[in-house]
Amino acid sequence: MRYLLPVAIAVALLVFFWPKPRRATPAPEDDVTTPIDREELEQAERELRESRGGRSLDEAEEDDWGPGAG
């Protein structure tokens, strides 16, 4: 009976200080609440498809500016 109080205190301390699982904090890009403007997205995709200014990587040889270029 004389060990009851120290054991109870030890159990209470273990329960109180036991490591609790931490909730994962969402990344800023995952915490998006702004709705997607579908019309604007479709318009931008349409403009990209109709655009003639784009070029493939094979056509962009004159833009070689990285290390060792020259």
C-alpha atoms as a PDB file:
ATOM      1  CA  MET A   1       0.000   0.000   0.000  1.00  0.00           C
ATOM      2  CA  ARG A   2       2.894   2.371   0.623  1.00  0.00           C
ATOM      3  CA  TYR A   3       3.984   2.075  -3.034  1.00  0.00           C
ATOM      4  CA  LEU A   4       0.594   3.074  -4.390  1.00  0.00           C
ATOM      5  CA  LEU A   5       1.171   6.848  -4.312  1.00  0.00           C
ATOM      6  CA  PRO A   6       4.623   6.807  -5.993  1.00  0.00           C
ATOM      7  CA  VAL A   7       3.363   4.399  -8.672  1.00  0.00           C
ATOM      8  CA  ALA A   8       0.289   6.565  -9.281  1.00  0.00           C
ATOM      9  CA  ILE A   9       2.480   9.662  -9.585  1.00  0.00           C
ATOM     10  CA  ALA A  10       4.834   7.856 -11.979  1.00  0.00           C
ATOM     11  CA  VAL A  11       1.910   6.690 -14.125  1.00  0.00           C
ATOM     12  CA  ALA A  12       0.407  10.196 -14.144  1.00  0.00           C
ATOM     13  CA  LEU A  13       3.742  11.684 -15.209  1.00  0.00           C
ATOM     14  CA  LEU A  14       4.169   9.084 -17.958  1.00  0.00           C
ATOM     15  CA  VAL A  15       0.705   9.773 -19.310  1.00  0.00           C
ATOM     16  CA  PHE A  16       1.211  13.534 -19.147  1.00  0.00           C
ATOM     17  CA  PHE A  17       4.674  13.581 -20.750  1.00  0.00           C
ATOM     18  CA  TRP A  18       4.224  10.708 -23.213  1.00  0.00           C
ATOM     19  CA  PRO A  19       5.167  11.875 -26.752  1.00  0.00           C
ATOM     20  CA  LYS A  20       2.057  12.693 -28.689  1.00  0.00           C
ATOM     21  CA  PRO A  21       1.862  12.219 -32.460  1.00  0.00           C
ATOM     22  CA  ARG A  22       2.278  15.518 -34.257  1.00  0.00           C
ATOM     23  CA  ARG A  23      -0.111  16.458 -36.981  1.00  0.00           C
ATOM     24  CA  ALA A  24       1.567  17.153 -40.287  1.00  0.00           C
ATOM     25  CA  THR A  25       1.361  20.807 -41.188  1.00  0.00           C
ATOM     26  CA  PRO A  26       0.205  21.338 -44.754  1.00  0.00           C
ATOM     27  CA  ALA A  27       2.627  22.883 -47.204  1.00  0.00           C
ATOM     28  CA  PRO A  28       1.602  26.336 -48.440  1.00  0.00           C
ATOM     29  CA  GLU A  29       0.898  25.019 -51.931  1.00  0.00           C
ATOM     30  CA  ASP A  30      -1.383  22.335 -50.473  1.00  0.00           C
ATOM     31  CA  ASP A  31      -3.397  24.843 -48.475  1.00  0.00           C
ATOM     32  CA  VAL A  32      -5.157  26.457 -51.436  1.00  0.00           C
ATOM     33  CA  THR A  33      -8.655  27.729 -50.859  1.00  0.00           C
ATOM     34  CA  THR A  34      -8.965  29.865 -53.984  1.00  0.00           C
ATOM     35  CA  PRO A  35     -11.270  28.252 -56.532  1.00  0.00           C
ATOM     36  CA  ILE A  36      -9.944  27.615 -60.039  1.00  0.00           C
ATOM     37  CA  ASP A  37     -11.270  29.977 -62.697  1.00  0.00           C
ATOM     38  CA  ARG A  38     -12.060  27.394 -65.386  1.00  0.00           C
ATOM     39  CA  GLU A  39     -12.833  30.001 -68.077  1.00  0.00           C
ATOM     40  CA  GLU A  40      -9.491  31.743 -67.588  1.00  0.00           C
ATOM     41  CA  LEU A  41      -7.665  28.405 -67.615  1.00  0.00           C
ATOM     42  CA  GLU A  42      -9.373  27.311 -70.839  1.00  0.00           C
ATOM     43  CA  GLN A  43      -8.627  30.673 -72.452  1.00  0.00           C
ATOM     44  CA  ALA A  44      -4.925  30.414 -71.540  1.00  0.00           C
ATOM     45  CA  GLU A  45      -4.748  26.853 -72.903  1.00  0.00           C
ATOM     46  CA  ARG A  46      -6.443  27.987 -76.116  1.00  0.00           C
ATOM     47  CA  GLU A  47      -3.952  30.833 -76.495  1.00  0.00           C
ATOM     48  CA  LEU A  48      -1.040  28.431 -76.066  1.00  0.00           C
ATOM     49  CA  ARG A  49      -2.421  26.045 -78.683  1.00  0.00           C
ATOM     50  CA  GLU A  50      -3.005  28.870 -81.173  1.00  0.00           C
ATOM     51  CA  SER A  51       0.342  30.531 -80.495  1.00  0.00           C
ATOM     52  CA  ARG A  52       2.964  30.221 -83.247  1.00  0.00           C
ATOM     53  CA  GLY A  53       5.786  31.745 -81.166  1.00  0.00           C
ATOM     54  CA  GLY A  54       6.840  28.524 -79.506  1.00  0.00           C
ATOM     55  CA  ARG A  55       9.707  26.372 -80.721  1.00  0.00           C
ATOM     56  CA  SER A  56      11.033  22.962 -79.892  1.00  0.00           C
ATOM     57  CA  LEU A  57      14.271  22.359 -78.013  1.00  0.00           C
ATOM     58  CA  ASP A  58      15.938  21.294 -81.267  1.00  0.00           C
ATOM     59  CA  GLU A  59      15.212  24.698 -82.799  1.00  0.00           C
ATOM     60  CA  ALA A  60      16.633  26.570 -79.792  1.00  0.00           C
ATOM     61  CA  GLU A  61      20.337  25.860 -80.398  1.00  0.00           C
ATOM     62  CA  GLU A  62      21.198  29.541 -80.708  1.00  0.00           C
ATOM     63  CA  ASP A  63      20.005  30.055 -77.136  1.00  0.00           C
ATOM     64  CA  ASP A  64      22.748  27.819 -75.699  1.00  0.00           C
ATOM     65  CA  TRP A  65      24.028  29.920 -72.825  1.00  0.00           C
ATOM     66  CA  GLY A  66      24.878  27.354 -70.127  1.00  0.00           C
ATOM     67  CA  PRO A  67      28.258  26.294 -68.733  1.00  0.00           C
ATOM     68  CA  GLY A  68      30.653  25.210 -71.473  1.00  0.00           C
ATOM     69  CA  ALA A  69      28.634  26.953 -74.178  1.00  0.00           C
ATOM     70  CA  GLY A  70      30.494  28.826 -76.745  1.00  0.00           C
END
